Amino acid sequence: MNEKEIAVIFKAFCDENRIRILQLLLDGEKCACRLLEEMNITQPTLSHHMKILCDSGIVVGRKEGKWIHYSLSVEGIECAQRYLALLKTCSSTNEREEKDD
């Protein structure tokens, strides 16, 4: 992953509305209409947040009729976890090196 891809992934987590959407999707796939009811936001605002979430790979959408159904992406979540694990590993290595000095 390059820096731009990493930034896009973590941008998904930088807004309380997007965090709320992610929490709603923990229960499984949701139609955009259901998210609108739960979020109390406008359709254009939801579209904006869903674009960011889908661009990050954390959420995927599938079209059914006139609605899009959204769900969490295991692959996208694992990608974010891998980067965080890399940071943790590097941090742990640096701490051990500092203690050895």
Protein backbone atom coordinates (compact mmCIF):
# COMPACT_ATOMS: atom_id res chain seq x y z
CA MET A 1 0.00 0.00 0.00
CA ASN A 2 1.19 3.47 -0.76
CA GLU A 3 0.56 6.56 1.37
CA LYS A 4 -2.42 7.71 -0.71
CA GLU A 5 -4.17 4.33 -0.39
CA ILE A 6 -3.55 4.29 3.36
CA ALA A 7 -4.92 7.83 3.72
CA VAL A 8 -8.09 6.88 1.81
CA ILE A 9 -8.64 3.90 4.12
CA PHE A 10 -8.25 5.89 7.31
CA LYS A 11 -10.27 8.85 6.02
CA ALA A 12 -13.24 6.49 6.32
CA PHE A 13 -12.81 6.50 10.11
CA CYS A 14 -12.44 10.29 10.50
CA ASP A 15 -16.07 11.36 10.71
CA GLU A 16 -18.68 10.57 13.34
CA ASN A 17 -21.39 10.00 10.71
CA ARG A 18 -19.22 7.41 8.95
CA ILE A 19 -18.48 5.73 12.29
CA ARG A 20 -22.24 5.58 12.93
CA ILE A 21 -22.78 4.02 9.49
CA LEU A 22 -20.11 1.41 10.23
CA GLN A 23 -21.81 0.64 13.53
CA LEU A 24 -25.14 0.17 11.75
CA LEU A 25 -23.51 -2.19 9.27
CA LEU A 26 -22.15 -4.38 12.07
CA ASP A 27 -25.57 -6.07 12.13
CA GLY A 28 -25.27 -6.95 8.43
CA GLU A 29 -26.18 -5.54 5.06
CA LYS A 30 -28.40 -2.47 5.03
CA CYS A 31 -30.24 -0.73 2.24
CA ALA A 32 -29.45 2.96 1.76
CA CYS A 33 -33.07 3.70 2.60
CA ARG A 34 -32.63 2.02 6.00
CA LEU A 35 -29.42 3.95 6.67
CA LEU A 36 -31.24 7.18 5.83
CA GLU A 37 -33.94 6.37 8.37
CA GLU A 38 -31.40 5.54 11.07
CA MET A 39 -29.05 8.46 10.42
CA ASN A 40 -31.45 11.38 10.15
CA ILE A 41 -29.34 12.94 7.35
CA THR A 42 -30.18 13.88 3.77
CA GLN A 43 -29.71 11.55 0.83
CA PRO A 44 -26.88 13.66 -0.69
CA THR A 45 -25.06 13.61 2.66
CA LEU A 46 -25.45 9.84 2.89
CA SER A 47 -24.17 9.47 -0.67
CA HIS A 48 -21.11 11.55 0.19
CA HIS A 49 -20.28 9.39 3.21
CA MET A 50 -20.96 6.14 1.36
CA LYS A 51 -18.63 7.18 -1.47
CA ILE A 52 -15.82 7.74 1.03
CA LEU A 53 -16.54 4.43 2.78
CA CYS A 54 -16.71 2.51 -0.51
CA ASP A 55 -13.60 4.23 -1.93
CA SER A 56 -11.74 3.13 1.19
CA GLY A 57 -12.72 -0.50 0.60
CA ILE A 58 -14.13 -0.77 4.13
CA VAL A 59 -17.69 -0.92 2.76
CA VAL A 60 -19.04 -2.48 -0.43
CA GLY A 61 -22.33 -1.81 -2.15
CA ARG A 62 -24.52 -3.87 -4.42
CA LYS A 63 -27.34 -2.45 -6.48
CA GLU A 64 -30.79 -3.98 -6.25
CA GLY A 65 -33.45 -2.13 -8.17
CA LYS A 66 -33.22 1.56 -7.39
CA TRP A 67 -31.47 1.03 -4.05
CA ILE A 68 -27.94 0.14 -3.06
CA HIS A 69 -27.38 -2.33 -0.25
CA TYR A 70 -24.21 -1.76 1.76
CA SER A 71 -22.15 -4.12 3.88
CA LEU A 72 -18.78 -4.21 5.59
CA SER A 73 -15.92 -5.61 3.52
CA VAL A 74 -13.86 -8.22 5.34
CA GLU A 75 -11.07 -7.67 2.82
CA GLY A 76 -11.08 -3.89 3.37
CA ILE A 77 -11.10 -4.26 7.15
CA GLU A 78 -8.24 -6.75 6.99
CA CYS A 79 -6.24 -4.30 4.88
CA ALA A 80 -6.63 -1.60 7.56
CA GLN A 81 -5.73 -4.14 10.24
CA ARG A 82 -2.57 -5.16 8.37
CA TYR A 83 -1.38 -1.57 8.22
CA LEU A 84 -2.09 -1.03 11.92
CA ALA A 85 -0.27 -4.28 12.71
CA LEU A 86 2.72 -3.04 10.69
CA LEU A 87 2.77 0.18 12.72
CA LYS A 88 2.53 -1.79 15.95
CA THR A 89 5.36 -4.11 14.89
CA CYS A 90 7.60 -1.18 13.93
CA SER A 91 6.79 0.60 17.19
CA SER A 92 7.55 -2.51 19.25
CA THR A 93 10.85 -3.01 17.40
CA ASN A 94 11.86 0.61 18.04
CA GLU A 95 10.99 0.31 21.74
CA ARG A 96 13.11 -2.82 22.08
CA GLU A 97 16.03 -1.14 20.30
CA GLU A 98 15.79 1.89 22.60
CA LYS A 99 15.83 -0.35 25.70
CA ASP A 100 18.89 -2.22 24.39
CA ASP A 101 20.87 1.03 24.00
